[in-house]
């Protein structure tokens, strides 16, 4: 009886793990300069290569099946990261700029990165405008750029 309970418990754990499985695909375009090279889908938290393919006509298609909801991943070419993204349930698309979208967490991550980039661009433009304004004294420039 004790052995039966153990077997049933193991079956329950195994079936739960099967339901939590994440099926991820990444397809899309990368620069054709990488044609003929092998690209790897890598788990960032352990550097484990989980899929690979050879770039053909600038196209890639990779797959991953994980037993967790989401994990950080990367696309590696020649030992260097081409893109960082989140491996999660769904079908994601990569563009030639290395932007990954099409799954909920990757879309949120990309939207957040865009907001940060926009804020940085605004800051940089304002900084240049202040620093090149010949009507302002050095003290006035310092006061305008001071974080409050």
Protein backbone atom coordinates (compact mmCIF):
# COMPACT_ATOMS: atom_id res chain seq x y z
CA UNK A 1 0.00 0.00 0.00
CA UNK A 2 2.84 2.38 0.88
CA UNK A 3 4.52 1.64 -2.46
CA UNK A 4 1.25 2.36 -4.31
CA UNK A 5 0.95 5.74 -2.58
CA UNK A 6 4.53 6.59 -3.56
CA UNK A 7 3.91 5.63 -7.19
CA UNK A 8 0.68 7.65 -7.26
CA UNK A 9 2.46 10.66 -5.74
CA UNK A 10 5.23 10.44 -8.36
CA UNK A 11 2.63 10.20 -11.13
CA UNK A 12 0.89 13.30 -9.78
CA UNK A 13 4.16 15.25 -9.73
CA UNK A 14 5.04 14.10 -13.25
CA UNK A 15 1.63 15.05 -14.62
CA UNK A 16 1.83 18.48 -12.94
CA UNK A 17 5.24 19.09 -14.52
CA UNK A 18 3.82 18.13 -17.90
CA UNK A 19 1.07 20.74 -17.56
CA UNK A 20 3.60 23.45 -16.62
CA UNK A 21 5.63 22.87 -19.76
CA UNK A 22 6.53 25.91 -21.84
CA UNK A 23 6.63 25.57 -25.61
CA UNK A 24 8.55 28.45 -27.20
CA UNK A 25 9.39 29.16 -30.83
CA UNK A 26 11.56 31.95 -32.18
CA UNK A 27 11.44 32.71 -35.88
CA UNK A 28 12.40 35.68 -37.97
CA UNK A 29 15.15 37.54 -39.71
CA UNK A 30 18.70 38.38 -38.77
CA UNK A 31 21.28 40.17 -40.95
CA UNK A 32 22.30 38.09 -43.96
CA UNK A 33 25.96 38.60 -43.02
CA UNK A 34 25.33 35.66 -40.66
CA UNK A 35 24.27 33.29 -43.46
CA UNK A 36 25.87 29.88 -43.04
CA UNK A 37 26.64 30.48 -39.36
CA UNK A 38 25.19 28.41 -36.54
CA UNK A 39 22.99 30.31 -34.10
CA UNK A 40 22.16 29.01 -30.65
CA UNK A 41 19.17 29.47 -28.38
CA UNK A 42 20.76 29.69 -24.92
CA UNK A 43 19.41 29.80 -21.39
CA UNK A 44 21.12 32.77 -19.75
CA UNK A 45 20.88 31.47 -16.22
CA UNK A 46 23.08 28.50 -17.01
CA UNK A 47 24.47 29.13 -20.51
CA UNK A 48 22.86 25.87 -21.62
CA UNK A 49 22.39 25.60 -25.39
CA UNK A 50 18.88 24.29 -25.96
CA UNK A 51 18.55 24.55 -29.76
CA UNK A 52 20.57 25.57 -32.79
CA UNK A 53 20.12 26.17 -36.48
CA UNK A 54 22.11 27.43 -39.45
CA UNK A 55 21.14 30.85 -40.81
CA UNK A 56 19.78 30.53 -44.34
CA UNK A 57 18.85 33.63 -46.36
CA UNK A 58 18.81 35.64 -43.12
CA UNK A 59 16.12 33.42 -41.57
CA UNK A 60 16.13 31.50 -38.28
CA UNK A 61 13.74 29.12 -36.58
CA UNK A 62 14.40 27.78 -33.08
CA UNK A 63 12.33 25.89 -30.50
CA UNK A 64 12.46 25.22 -26.78
CA UNK A 65 10.41 23.13 -24.39
CA UNK A 66 10.93 24.00 -20.75
CA UNK A 67 9.39 22.76 -17.54
CA UNK A 68 8.95 26.30 -16.16
CA UNK A 69 6.82 29.29 -17.09
CA UNK A 70 9.61 31.62 -18.26
CA UNK A 71 13.40 31.86 -18.30
CA UNK A 72 15.88 34.43 -19.60
CA UNK A 73 17.32 33.50 -22.96
CA UNK A 74 19.61 34.76 -25.68
CA UNK A 75 20.41 34.20 -29.32
CA UNK A 76 24.15 33.57 -29.71
CA UNK A 77 26.19 33.84 -32.89
CA UNK A 78 29.97 33.35 -32.94
CA UNK A 79 29.98 33.21 -29.13
CA UNK A 80 28.36 36.65 -28.83
CA UNK A 81 24.85 37.61 -27.81
CA UNK A 82 22.75 38.85 -30.70
CA UNK A 83 19.55 39.33 -28.68
CA UNK A 84 18.27 38.92 -25.13
CA UNK A 85 14.69 37.88 -24.51
CA UNK A 86 12.39 35.83 -22.34
CA UNK A 87 11.71 32.21 -23.22
CA UNK A 88 8.03 31.80 -22.42
CA UNK A 89 5.03 29.97 -23.77
CA UNK A 90 4.25 31.16 -27.29
CA UNK A 91 5.66 32.11 -30.66
CA UNK A 92 8.10 35.01 -30.73
CA UNK A 93 9.57 36.83 -33.70
CA UNK A 94 13.01 38.41 -34.00
CA UNK A 95 13.78 41.24 -36.40
CA UNK A 96 17.12 42.24 -37.94
CA UNK A 97 17.74 44.69 -35.08
CA UNK A 98 17.56 41.86 -32.54
CA UNK A 99 14.18 42.95 -31.17
CA UNK A 100 12.06 40.02 -29.99
CA UNK A 101 8.28 40.39 -29.77
CA UNK A 102 5.10 38.37 -30.01
CA UNK A 103 4.86 36.94 -26.51
CA UNK A 104 3.48 38.81 -23.47
CA UNK A 105 6.68 39.25 -21.43
CA UNK A 106 8.82 40.05 -24.47
CA UNK A 107 6.31 42.69 -25.57
CA UNK A 108 6.34 44.27 -22.09
CA UNK A 109 10.14 44.13 -21.97
CA UNK A 110 10.45 45.78 -25.38
CA UNK A 111 7.90 48.51 -24.53
CA UNK A 112 9.82 49.27 -21.32
CA UNK A 113 13.15 49.38 -23.16
CA UNK A 114 11.65 51.80 -25.69
CA UNK A 115 10.44 54.11 -22.90
CA UNK A 116 13.90 54.09 -21.32
CA UNK A 117 15.53 54.82 -24.70
CA UNK A 118 13.08 57.67 -25.34
CA UNK A 119 13.75 59.18 -21.90
CA UNK A 120 17.51 58.96 -22.46
CA UNK A 121 17.20 60.60 -25.90
CA UNK A 122 15.14 63.46 -24.41
CA UNK A 123 17.71 63.94 -21.64
CA UNK A 124 20.61 63.90 -24.10
CA UNK A 125 18.90 66.47 -26.35
CA UNK A 126 18.09 68.75 -23.42
CA UNK A 127 21.64 68.45 -22.11
CA UNK A 128 23.09 69.40 -25.51
CA UNK A 129 20.68 72.33 -25.81
CA UNK A 130 21.71 73.68 -22.41
CA UNK A 131 25.43 73.12 -22.93
CA UNK A 132 25.47 74.81 -26.36
CA UNK A 133 23.30 77.77 -25.32
CA UNK A 134 25.72 80.69 -25.47
CA UNK A 135 23.30 83.00 -23.64
CA UNK A 136 23.64 81.01 -20.40
CA UNK A 137 26.41 81.37 -17.86
CA UNK A 138 28.20 78.31 -16.54
CA UNK A 139 26.34 78.73 -13.23
CA UNK A 140 22.97 78.89 -15.02
CA UNK A 141 23.84 75.74 -16.99
CA UNK A 142 24.78 73.97 -13.78
CA UNK A 143 21.49 74.99 -12.14
CA UNK A 144 19.42 73.85 -15.13
CA UNK A 145 21.10 70.44 -15.20
CA UNK A 146 20.92 69.87 -11.45
CA UNK A 147 18.75 66.93 -10.49
CA UNK A 148 15.97 68.03 -8.17
